[in-house]
PDB file of all heavy atoms in Angstrom:
ATOM      1  N   ALA A   1       0.833  -1.211   0.000  1.00  0.00           N
ATOM      2  CA  ALA A   1       0.000   0.000   0.000  1.00  0.00           C
ATOM      3  C   ALA A   1       0.863   1.254   0.000  1.00  0.00           C
ATOM      4  O   ALA A   1       0.581   2.224  -0.720  1.00  0.00           O
ATOM      5  CB  ALA A   1      -0.934  -0.019   1.203  1.00  0.00           C
ATOM      6  N   ASN A   2       1.933   1.247   0.800  1.00  0.00           N
ATOM      7  CA  ASN A   2       2.824   2.416   0.845  1.00  0.00           C
ATOM      8  C   ASN A   2       3.557   2.603  -0.472  1.00  0.00           C
ATOM      9  O   ASN A   2       3.806   3.740  -0.896  1.00  0.00           O
ATOM     10  CB  ASN A   2       3.832   2.249   1.979  1.00  0.00           C
ATOM     11  CG  ASN A   2       3.190   2.284   3.345  1.00  0.00           C
ATOM     12  OD1 ASN A   2       2.138   2.919   3.526  1.00  0.00           O
ATOM     13  ND2 ASN A   2       3.797   1.629   4.319  1.00  0.00           N
ATOM     14  N   ALA A   3       3.899   1.500  -1.150  1.00  0.00           N
ATOM     15  CA  ALA A   3       4.595   1.619  -2.430  1.00  0.00           C
ATOM     16  C   ALA A   3       3.662   2.112  -3.528  1.00  0.00           C
ATOM     17  O   ALA A   3       4.065   2.894  -4.399  1.00  0.00           O
ATOM     18  CB  ALA A   3       5.198   0.269  -2.812  1.00  0.00           C
ATOM     19  N   LEU A   4       2.404   1.678  -3.493  1.00  0.00           N
ATOM     20  CA  LEU A   4       1.449   2.110  -4.506  1.00  0.00           C
ATOM     21  C   LEU A   4       1.015   3.555  -4.296  1.00  0.00           C
ATOM     22  O   LEU A   4       0.818   4.310  -5.258  1.00  0.00           O
ATOM     23  CB  LEU A   4       0.229   1.193  -4.485  1.00  0.00           C
ATOM     24  CG  LEU A   4       0.417  -0.224  -5.046  1.00  0.00           C
ATOM     25  CD1 LEU A   4      -0.817  -1.068  -4.735  1.00  0.00           C
ATOM     26  CD2 LEU A   4       0.658  -0.178  -6.559  1.00  0.00           C
ATOM     27  N   PHE A   5       0.862   3.932  -3.016  1.00  0.00           N
ATOM     28  CA  PHE A   5       0.347   5.274  -2.694  1.00  0.00           C
ATOM     29  C   PHE A   5       1.298   5.970  -1.725  1.00  0.00           C
ATOM     30  O   PHE A   5       1.034   6.081  -0.522  1.00  0.00           O
ATOM     31  CB  PHE A   5      -1.054   5.159  -2.095  1.00  0.00           C
ATOM     32  CG  PHE A   5      -1.988   4.297  -2.895  1.00  0.00           C
ATOM     33  CD1 PHE A   5      -2.344   3.027  -2.456  1.00  0.00           C
ATOM     34  CD2 PHE A   5      -2.500   4.738  -4.112  1.00  0.00           C
ATOM     35  CE1 PHE A   5      -3.189   2.226  -3.189  1.00  0.00           C
ATOM     36  CE2 PHE A   5      -3.347   3.943  -4.860  1.00  0.00           C
ATOM     37  CZ  PHE A   5      -3.692   2.685  -4.405  1.00  0.00           C
ATOM     38  N   PRO A   6       2.449   6.423  -2.220  1.00  0.00           N
ATOM     39  CA  PRO A   6       3.431   7.063  -1.336  1.00  0.00           C
ATOM     40  C   PRO A   6       2.949   8.379  -0.746  1.00  0.00           C
ATOM     41  O   PRO A   6       3.564   8.897   0.188  1.00  0.00           O
ATOM     42  CB  PRO A   6       4.638   7.276  -2.260  1.00  0.00           C
ATOM     43  CG  PRO A   6       4.076   7.287  -3.641  1.00  0.00           C
ATOM     44  CD  PRO A   6       2.911   6.357  -3.622  1.00  0.00           C
ATOM     45  N   ASP A   7       1.854   8.926  -1.273  1.00  0.00           N
ATOM     46  CA  ASP A   7       1.338  10.182  -0.724  1.00  0.00           C
ATOM     47  C   ASP A   7       0.552   9.969   0.561  1.00  0.00           C
ATOM     48  O   ASP A   7       0.075  10.930   1.169  1.00  0.00           O
ATOM     49  CB  ASP A   7       0.462  10.893  -1.759  1.00  0.00           C
ATOM     50  CG  ASP A   7      -0.660  10.005  -2.276  1.00  0.00           C
ATOM     51  OD1 ASP A   7      -0.784   8.851  -1.811  1.00  0.00           O
ATOM     52  OD2 ASP A   7      -1.415  10.466  -3.148  1.00  0.00           O
ATOM     53  N   GLY A   8       0.399   8.708   0.989  1.00  0.00           N
ATOM     54  CA  GLY A   8      -0.246   8.426   2.261  1.00  0.00           C
ATOM     55  C   GLY A   8      -1.760   8.347   2.213  1.00  0.00           C
ATOM     56  O   GLY A   8      -2.385   8.260   3.270  1.00  0.00           O
ATOM     57  N   ARG A   9      -2.353   8.333   1.039  1.00  0.00           N
ATOM     58  CA  ARG A   9      -3.815   8.254   0.954  1.00  0.00           C
ATOM     59  C   ARG A   9      -4.316   6.902   1.447  1.00  0.00           C
ATOM     60  O   ARG A   9      -3.583   5.916   1.471  1.00  0.00           O
ATOM     61  CB  ARG A   9      -4.272   8.503  -0.482  1.00  0.00           C
ATOM     62  CG  ARG A   9      -4.105   7.302  -1.385  1.00  0.00           C
ATOM     63  CD  ARG A   9      -4.562   7.560  -2.811  1.00  0.00           C
ATOM     64  NE  ARG A   9      -3.536   8.267  -3.577  1.00  0.00           N
ATOM     65  CZ  ARG A   9      -3.591   8.407  -4.887  1.00  0.00           C
ATOM     66  NH1 ARG A   9      -4.627   7.923  -5.566  1.00  0.00           N
ATOM     67  NH2 ARG A   9      -2.637   9.056  -5.519  1.00  0.00           N
ATOM     68  N   ASN A  10      -5.545   6.841   1.840  1.00  0.00           N
ATOM     69  CA  ASN A  10      -6.157   5.608   2.314  1.00  0.00           C
ATOM     70  C   ASN A  10      -6.290   4.638   1.133  1.00  0.00           C
ATOM     71  O   ASN A  10      -6.968   4.946   0.149  1.00  0.00           O
ATOM     72  CB  ASN A  10      -7.531   5.893   2.920  1.00  0.00           C
ATOM     73  CG  ASN A  10      -8.171   4.647   3.499  1.00  0.00           C
ATOM     74  OD1 ASN A  10      -7.567   3.587   3.538  1.00  0.00           O
ATOM     75  ND2 ASN A  10      -9.400   4.778   3.960  1.00  0.00           N
ATOM     76  N   PRO A  11      -5.678   3.449   1.203  1.00  0.00           N
ATOM     77  CA  PRO A  11      -5.728   2.544   0.050  1.00  0.00           C
ATOM     78  C   PRO A  11      -7.082   1.862  -0.138  1.00  0.00           C
ATOM     79  O   PRO A  11      -7.357   1.348  -1.229  1.00  0.00           O
ATOM     80  CB  PRO A  11      -4.634   1.511   0.381  1.00  0.00           C
ATOM     81  CG  PRO A  11      -4.531   1.534   1.865  1.00  0.00           C
ATOM     82  CD  PRO A  11      -4.830   2.943   2.290  1.00  0.00           C
ATOM     83  N   ILE A  12      -7.903   1.836   0.904  1.00  0.00           N
ATOM     84  CA  ILE A  12      -9.193   1.144   0.789  1.00  0.00           C
ATOM     85  C   ILE A  12     -10.058   1.851  -0.247  1.00  0.00           C
ATOM     86  O   ILE A  12     -10.282   3.068  -0.180  1.00  0.00           O
ATOM     87  CB  ILE A  12      -9.918   1.103   2.147  1.00  0.00           C
ATOM     88  CG1 ILE A  12      -9.028   0.443   3.201  1.00  0.00           C
ATOM     89  CG2 ILE A  12     -11.236   0.355   2.014  1.00  0.00           C
ATOM     90  CD1 ILE A  12      -8.618  -0.971   2.873  1.00  0.00           C
ATOM     91  N   GLY A  13     -10.538   1.085  -1.220  1.00  0.00           N
ATOM     92  CA  GLY A  13     -11.354   1.642  -2.295  1.00  0.00           C
ATOM     93  C   GLY A  13     -10.554   2.094  -3.502  1.00  0.00           C
ATOM     94  O   GLY A  13     -11.141   2.353  -4.563  1.00  0.00           O
ATOM     95  N   GLN A  14      -9.224   2.194  -3.363  1.00  0.00           N
ATOM     96  CA  GLN A  14      -8.397   2.571  -4.505  1.00  0.00           C
ATOM     97  C   GLN A  14      -8.291   1.391  -5.471  1.00  0.00           C
ATOM     98  O   GLN A  14      -8.469   0.229  -5.089  1.00  0.00           O
ATOM     99  CB  GLN A  14      -6.994   2.997  -4.037  1.00  0.00           C
ATOM    100  CG  GLN A  14      -6.981   4.134  -3.042  1.00  0.00           C
ATOM    101  CD  GLN A  14      -7.455   5.445  -3.659  1.00  0.00           C
ATOM    102  OE1 GLN A  14      -7.344   5.644  -4.882  1.00  0.00           O
ATOM    103  NE2 GLN A  14      -7.973   6.339  -2.829  1.00  0.00           N
ATOM    104  N   ARG A  15      -7.961   1.710  -6.715  1.00  0.00           N
ATOM    105  CA  ARG A  15      -7.867   0.677  -7.741  1.00  0.00           C
ATOM    106  C   ARG A  15      -6.459   0.637  -8.323  1.00  0.00           C
ATOM    107  O   ARG A  15      -5.780   1.667  -8.410  1.00  0.00           O
ATOM    108  CB  ARG A  15      -8.896   0.924  -8.845  1.00  0.00           C
ATOM    109  CG  ARG A  15     -10.328   0.920  -8.337  1.00  0.00           C
ATOM    110  CD  ARG A  15     -11.329   0.812  -9.477  1.00  0.00           C
ATOM    111  NE  ARG A  15     -11.217   1.932 -10.416  1.00  0.00           N
ATOM    112  CZ  ARG A  15     -11.954   2.044 -11.533  1.00  0.00           C
ATOM    113  NH1 ARG A  15     -12.847   1.094 -11.821  1.00  0.00           N
ATOM    114  NH2 ARG A  15     -11.817   3.074 -12.344  1.00  0.00           N
ATOM    115  N   VAL A  16      -6.054  -0.580  -8.704  1.00  0.00           N
ATOM    116  CA  VAL A  16      -4.718  -0.771  -9.282  1.00  0.00           C
ATOM    117  C   VAL A  16      -4.860  -1.618 -10.549  1.00  0.00           C
ATOM    118  O   VAL A  16      -5.722  -2.505 -10.640  1.00  0.00           O
ATOM    119  CB  VAL A  16      -3.750  -1.458  -8.295  1.00  0.00           C
ATOM    120  CG1 VAL A  16      -3.488  -0.574  -7.093  1.00  0.00           C
ATOM    121  CG2 VAL A  16      -4.287  -2.805  -7.850  1.00  0.00           C
ATOM    122  N   HIS A  17      -4.003  -1.314 -11.522  1.00  0.00           N
ATOM    123  CA  HIS A  17      -3.945  -2.114 -12.743  1.00  0.00           C
ATOM    124  C   HIS A  17      -3.115  -3.356 -12.479  1.00  0.00           C
ATOM    125  O   HIS A  17      -2.068  -3.308 -11.819  1.00  0.00           O
ATOM    126  CB  HIS A  17      -3.333  -1.314 -13.892  1.00  0.00           C
ATOM    127  CG  HIS A  17      -4.153  -0.137 -14.314  1.00  0.00           C
ATOM    128  ND1 HIS A  17      -5.223  -0.253 -15.180  1.00  0.00           N
ATOM    129  CD2 HIS A  17      -4.050   1.191 -14.002  1.00  0.00           C
ATOM    130  CE1 HIS A  17      -5.751   0.950 -15.375  1.00  0.00           C
ATOM    131  NE2 HIS A  17      -5.051   1.842 -14.674  1.00  0.00           N
ATOM    132  N   PHE A  18      -3.547  -4.475 -13.016  1.00  0.00           N
ATOM    133  CA  PHE A  18      -2.864  -5.744 -12.839  1.00  0.00           C
ATOM    134  C   PHE A  18      -1.908  -5.968 -13.997  1.00  0.00           C
ATOM    135  O   PHE A  18      -2.311  -6.372 -15.082  1.00  0.00           O
ATOM    136  CB  PHE A  18      -3.893  -6.878 -12.754  1.00  0.00           C
ATOM    137  CG  PHE A  18      -3.284  -8.233 -12.520  1.00  0.00           C
ATOM    138  CD1 PHE A  18      -2.273  -8.408 -11.590  1.00  0.00           C
ATOM    139  CD2 PHE A  18      -3.730  -9.344 -13.225  1.00  0.00           C
ATOM    140  CE1 PHE A  18      -1.722  -9.666 -11.365  1.00  0.00           C
ATOM    141  CE2 PHE A  18      -3.191 -10.605 -13.019  1.00  0.00           C
ATOM    142  CZ  PHE A  18      -2.175 -10.765 -12.082  1.00  0.00           C
ATOM    143  N   GLY A  19      -0.626  -5.654 -13.794  1.00  0.00           N
ATOM    144  CA  GLY A  19       0.384  -5.872 -14.825  1.00  0.00           C
ATOM    145  C   GLY A  19       0.948  -4.578 -15.363  1.00  0.00           C
ATOM    146  O   GLY A  19       2.052  -4.179 -15.015  1.00  0.00           O
ATOM    147  N   VAL A  20       0.211  -3.890 -16.206  1.00  0.00           N
ATOM    148  CA  VAL A  20       0.665  -2.661 -16.861  1.00  0.00           C
ATOM    149  C   VAL A  20      -0.425  -1.602 -16.724  1.00  0.00           C
ATOM    150  O   VAL A  20      -1.574  -1.911 -16.375  1.00  0.00           O
ATOM    151  CB  VAL A  20       0.989  -2.917 -18.352  1.00  0.00           C
ATOM    152  CG1 VAL A  20       2.178  -3.852 -18.492  1.00  0.00           C
ATOM    153  CG2 VAL A  20      -0.218  -3.479 -19.077  1.00  0.00           C
ATOM    154  N   PRO A  21      -0.104  -0.317 -16.986  1.00  0.00           N
ATOM    155  CA  PRO A  21      -1.101   0.747 -16.803  1.00  0.00           C
ATOM    156  C   PRO A  21      -2.347   0.601 -17.661  1.00  0.00           C
ATOM    157  O   PRO A  21      -3.356   1.264 -17.379  1.00  0.00           O
ATOM    158  CB  PRO A  21      -0.310   2.014 -17.175  1.00  0.00           C
ATOM    159  CG  PRO A  21       1.115   1.670 -16.928  1.00  0.00           C
ATOM    160  CD  PRO A  21       1.242   0.226 -17.266  1.00  0.00           C
ATOM    161  N   THR A  22      -2.306  -0.238 -18.687  1.00  0.00           N
ATOM    162  CA  THR A  22      -3.485  -0.397 -19.538  1.00  0.00           C
ATOM    163  C   THR A  22      -4.298  -1.646 -19.198  1.00  0.00           C
ATOM    164  O   THR A  22      -5.334  -1.898 -19.828  1.00  0.00           O
ATOM    165  CB  THR A  22      -3.050  -0.460 -21.017  1.00  0.00           C
ATOM    166  OG1 THR A  22      -2.124  -1.534 -21.189  1.00  0.00           O
ATOM    167  CG2 THR A  22      -2.390   0.849 -21.440  1.00  0.00           C
ATOM    168  N   ALA A  23      -3.834  -2.443 -18.224  1.00  0.00           N
ATOM    169  CA  ALA A  23      -4.533  -3.677 -17.882  1.00  0.00           C
ATOM    170  C   ALA A  23      -5.778  -3.377 -17.047  1.00  0.00           C
ATOM    171  O   ALA A  23      -6.014  -2.243 -16.610  1.00  0.00           O
ATOM    172  CB  ALA A  23      -3.603  -4.614 -17.112  1.00  0.00           C
ATOM    173  N   TYR A  24      -6.572  -4.447 -16.806  1.00  0.00           N
ATOM    174  CA  TYR A  24      -7.826  -4.221 -16.081  1.00  0.00           C
ATOM    175  C   TYR A  24      -7.544  -3.909 -14.617  1.00  0.00           C
ATOM    176  O   TYR A  24      -6.454  -4.148 -14.099  1.00  0.00           O
ATOM    177  CB  TYR A  24      -8.755  -5.423 -16.247  1.00  0.00           C
ATOM    178  CG  TYR A  24      -8.420  -6.628 -15.408  1.00  0.00           C
ATOM    179  CD1 TYR A  24      -9.061  -6.832 -14.199  1.00  0.00           C
ATOM    180  CD2 TYR A  24      -7.507  -7.570 -15.857  1.00  0.00           C
ATOM    181  CE1 TYR A  24      -8.773  -7.939 -13.430  1.00  0.00           C
ATOM    182  CE2 TYR A  24      -7.223  -8.689 -15.103  1.00  0.00           C
ATOM    183  CZ  TYR A  24      -7.851  -8.877 -13.885  1.00  0.00           C
ATOM    184  OH  TYR A  24      -7.573  -9.971 -13.133  1.00  0.00           O
ATOM    185  N   LEU A  25      -8.562  -3.393 -13.931  1.00  0.00           N
ATOM    186  CA  LEU A  25      -8.386  -2.834 -12.592  1.00  0.00           C
ATOM    187  C   LEU A  25      -8.845  -3.794 -11.506  1.00  0.00           C
ATOM    188  O   LEU A  25      -9.814  -4.549 -11.666  1.00  0.00           O
ATOM    189  CB  LEU A  25      -9.163  -1.521 -12.472  1.00  0.00           C
ATOM    190  CG  LEU A  25      -8.616  -0.351 -13.298  1.00  0.00           C
ATOM    191  CD1 LEU A  25      -9.640   0.769 -13.372  1.00  0.00           C
ATOM    192  CD2 LEU A  25      -7.317   0.163 -12.682  1.00  0.00           C
ATOM    193  N   LEU A  26      -8.126  -3.745 -10.371  1.00  0.00           N
ATOM    194  CA  LEU A  26      -8.470  -4.470  -9.163  1.00  0.00           C
ATOM    195  C   LEU A  26      -8.740  -3.451  -8.053  1.00  0.00           C
ATOM    196  O   LEU A  26      -7.994  -2.474  -7.912  1.00  0.00           O
ATOM    197  CB  LEU A  26      -7.327  -5.399  -8.733  1.00  0.00           C
ATOM    198  CG  LEU A  26      -6.816  -6.405  -9.763  1.00  0.00           C
ATOM    199  CD1 LEU A  26      -5.535  -7.070  -9.260  1.00  0.00           C
ATOM    200  CD2 LEU A  26      -7.881  -7.453 -10.045  1.00  0.00           C
ATOM    201  N   THR A  27      -9.784  -3.683  -7.279  1.00  0.00           N
ATOM    202  CA  THR A  27     -10.134  -2.765  -6.189  1.00  0.00           C
ATOM    203  C   THR A  27      -9.587  -3.301  -4.868  1.00  0.00           C
ATOM    204  O   THR A  27      -9.770  -4.476  -4.531  1.00  0.00           O
ATOM    205  CB  THR A  27     -11.654  -2.604  -6.088  1.00  0.00           C
ATOM    206  OG1 THR A  27     -12.152  -2.089  -7.326  1.00  0.00           O
ATOM    207  CG2 THR A  27     -12.020  -1.646  -4.960  1.00  0.00           C
ATOM    208  N   ILE A  28      -8.929  -2.451  -4.118  1.00  0.00           N
ATOM    209  CA  ILE A  28      -8.363  -2.842  -2.823  1.00  0.00           C
ATOM    210  C   ILE A  28      -9.464  -2.752  -1.767  1.00  0.00           C
ATOM    211  O   ILE A  28     -10.056  -1.677  -1.558  1.00  0.00           O
ATOM    212  CB  ILE A  28      -7.178  -1.937  -2.442  1.00  0.00           C
ATOM    213  CG1 ILE A  28      -6.064  -2.056  -3.484  1.00  0.00           C
ATOM    214  CG2 ILE A  28      -6.656  -2.288  -1.049  1.00  0.00           C
ATOM    215  CD1 ILE A  28      -4.901  -1.102  -3.256  1.00  0.00           C
ATOM    216  N   VAL A  29      -9.720  -3.884  -1.083  1.00  0.00           N
ATOM    217  CA  VAL A  29     -10.764  -3.893  -0.057  1.00  0.00           C
ATOM    218  C   VAL A  29     -10.196  -4.110   1.335  1.00  0.00           C
ATOM    219  O   VAL A  29     -10.909  -3.968   2.332  1.00  0.00           O
ATOM    220  CB  VAL A  29     -11.807  -4.987  -0.345  1.00  0.00           C
ATOM    221  CG1 VAL A  29     -12.501  -4.722  -1.678  1.00  0.00           C
ATOM    222  CG2 VAL A  29     -11.173  -6.375  -0.332  1.00  0.00           C
ATOM    223  N   GLY A  30      -8.917  -4.454   1.443  1.00  0.00           N
ATOM    224  CA  GLY A  30      -8.329  -4.694   2.761  1.00  0.00           C
ATOM    225  C   GLY A  30      -6.822  -4.546   2.725  1.00  0.00           C
ATOM    226  O   GLY A  30      -6.185  -4.671   1.669  1.00  0.00           O
ATOM    227  N   VAL A  31      -6.256  -4.252   3.897  1.00  0.00           N
ATOM    228  CA  VAL A  31      -4.799  -4.133   4.057  1.00  0.00           C
ATOM    229  C   VAL A  31      -4.370  -5.094   5.168  1.00  0.00           C
ATOM    230  O   VAL A  31      -4.902  -5.039   6.290  1.00  0.00           O
ATOM    231  CB  VAL A  31      -4.371  -2.700   4.416  1.00  0.00           C
ATOM    232  CG1 VAL A  31      -2.859  -2.633   4.637  1.00  0.00           C
ATOM    233  CG2 VAL A  31      -4.789  -1.722   3.317  1.00  0.00           C
ATOM    234  N   LEU A  32      -3.419  -5.973   4.850  1.00  0.00           N
ATOM    235  CA  LEU A  32      -2.887  -6.934   5.806  1.00  0.00           C
ATOM    236  C   LEU A  32      -1.475  -6.539   6.234  1.00  0.00           C
ATOM    237  O   LEU A  32      -0.772  -5.823   5.510  1.00  0.00           O
ATOM    238  CB  LEU A  32      -2.847  -8.335   5.194  1.00  0.00           C
ATOM    239  CG  LEU A  32      -4.186  -8.962   4.804  1.00  0.00           C
ATOM    240  CD1 LEU A  32      -3.944 -10.298   4.114  1.00  0.00           C
ATOM    241  CD2 LEU A  32      -5.068  -9.146   6.022  1.00  0.00           C
ATOM    242  N   ALA A  33      -1.070  -7.006   7.401  1.00  0.00           N
ATOM    243  CA  ALA A  33       0.303  -6.765   7.850  1.00  0.00           C
ATOM    244  C   ALA A  33       1.282  -7.516   6.959  1.00  0.00           C
ATOM    245  O   ALA A  33       0.947  -8.547   6.365  1.00  0.00           O
ATOM    246  CB  ALA A  33       0.460  -7.208   9.304  1.00  0.00           C
ATOM    247  N   ASP A  34       2.499  -7.001   6.844  1.00  0.00           N
ATOM    248  CA  ASP A  34       3.531  -7.645   6.020  1.00  0.00           C
ATOM    249  C   ASP A  34       3.897  -9.013   6.585  1.00  0.00           C
ATOM    250  O   ASP A  34       3.853  -9.246   7.797  1.00  0.00           O
ATOM    251  CB  ASP A  34       4.797  -6.783   5.990  1.00  0.00           C
ATOM    252  CG  ASP A  34       4.575  -5.460   5.274  1.00  0.00           C
ATOM    253  OD1 ASP A  34       3.561  -5.329   4.575  1.00  0.00           O
ATOM    254  OD2 ASP A  34       5.429  -4.562   5.424  1.00  0.00           O
ATOM    255  N   ILE A  35       4.264  -9.899   5.691  1.00  0.00           N
ATOM    256  CA  ILE A  35       4.847 -11.173   6.095  1.00  0.00           C
ATOM    257  C   ILE A  35       6.133 -11.387   5.322  1.00  0.00           C
ATOM    258  O   ILE A  35       6.378 -10.754   4.292  1.00  0.00           O
ATOM    259  CB  ILE A  35       3.886 -12.362   5.850  1.00  0.00           C
ATOM    260  CG1 ILE A  35       3.713 -12.593   4.339  1.00  0.00           C
ATOM    261  CG2 ILE A  35       2.552 -12.150   6.525  1.00  0.00           C
ATOM    262  CD1 ILE A  35       3.031 -13.915   4.013  1.00  0.00           C
ATOM    263  N   ARG A  36       6.987 -12.267   5.839  1.00  0.00           N
ATOM    264  CA  ARG A  36       8.189 -12.688   5.122  1.00  0.00           C
ATOM    265  C   ARG A  36       7.772 -13.795   4.168  1.00  0.00           C
ATOM    266  O   ARG A  36       7.389 -14.875   4.599  1.00  0.00           O
ATOM    267  CB  ARG A  36       9.241 -13.181   6.102  1.00  0.00           C
ATOM    268  CG  ARG A  36       9.699 -12.109   7.071  1.00  0.00           C
ATOM    269  CD  ARG A  36      10.686 -11.180   6.424  1.00  0.00           C
ATOM    270  NE  ARG A  36      10.954 -10.020   7.258  1.00  0.00           N
ATOM    271  CZ  ARG A  36      11.880  -9.112   6.990  1.00  0.00           C
ATOM    272  NH1 ARG A  36      12.617  -9.241   5.901  1.00  0.00           N
ATOM    273  NH2 ARG A  36      12.054  -8.077   7.772  1.00  0.00           N
ATOM    274  N   ASP A  37       7.848 -13.525   2.888  1.00  0.00           N
ATOM    275  CA  ASP A  37       7.258 -14.426   1.915  1.00  0.00           C
ATOM    276  C   ASP A  37       8.312 -15.209   1.137  1.00  0.00           C
ATOM    277  O   ASP A  37       8.290 -16.430   1.096  1.00  0.00           O
ATOM    278  CB  ASP A  37       6.386 -13.628   0.949  1.00  0.00           C
ATOM    279  CG  ASP A  37       5.324 -14.492   0.285  1.00  0.00           C
ATOM    280  OD1 ASP A  37       5.346 -15.704   0.503  1.00  0.00           O
ATOM    281  OD2 ASP A  37       4.477 -13.951  -0.442  1.00  0.00           O
ATOM    282  N   GLY A  38       9.246 -14.511   0.508  1.00  0.00           N
ATOM    283  CA  GLY A  38      10.244 -15.189  -0.302  1.00  0.00           C
ATOM    284  C   GLY A  38      11.349 -15.801   0.532  1.00  0.00           C
ATOM    285  O   GLY A  38      11.653 -16.980   0.447  1.00  0.00           O
ATOM    286  N   SER A  39      11.990 -14.999   1.385  1.00  0.00           N
ATOM    287  CA  SER A  39      13.007 -15.464   2.316  1.00  0.00           C
ATOM    288  C   SER A  39      13.045 -14.487   3.477  1.00  0.00           C
ATOM    289  O   SER A  39      12.538 -13.370   3.380  1.00  0.00           O
ATOM    290  CB  SER A  39      14.382 -15.560   1.646  1.00  0.00           C
ATOM    291  OG  SER A  39      14.836 -14.271   1.279  1.00  0.00           O
ATOM    292  N   LEU A  40      13.670 -14.901   4.562  1.00  0.00           N
ATOM    293  CA  LEU A  40      13.653 -14.053   5.746  1.00  0.00           C
ATOM    294  C   LEU A  40      14.388 -12.743   5.524  1.00  0.00           C
ATOM    295  O   LEU A  40      13.926 -11.677   5.932  1.00  0.00           O
ATOM    296  CB  LEU A  40      14.279 -14.807   6.926  1.00  0.00           C
ATOM    297  CG  LEU A  40      13.416 -15.894   7.560  1.00  0.00           C
ATOM    298  CD1 LEU A  40      14.184 -16.583   8.680  1.00  0.00           C
ATOM    299  CD2 LEU A  40      12.120 -15.317   8.096  1.00  0.00           C
ATOM    300  N   GLU A  41      15.561 -12.797   4.872  1.00  0.00           N
ATOM    301  CA  GLU A  41      16.378 -11.595   4.792  1.00  0.00           C
ATOM    302  C   GLU A  41      16.133 -10.755   3.550  1.00  0.00           C
ATOM    303  O   GLU A  41      16.463  -9.577   3.539  1.00  0.00           O
ATOM    304  CB  GLU A  41      17.860 -11.960   4.877  1.00  0.00           C
ATOM    305  CG  GLU A  41      18.382 -12.776   3.698  1.00  0.00           C
ATOM    306  CD  GLU A  41      18.228 -14.248   3.919  1.00  0.00           C
ATOM    307  OE1 GLU A  41      17.264 -14.656   4.590  1.00  0.00           O
ATOM    308  OE2 GLU A  41      19.069 -15.004   3.411  1.00  0.00           O
TER     309      GLU A  41
END
């Protein structure tokens, strides 16, 4: 959320393109805490 909206706006309800700026839109309905996904470091 911080990377998509560095201006600090509320991400809930915002939309993002999936892939490139011309791709279809996904609506953000929730924000989860970060997890270590690929590797710990």
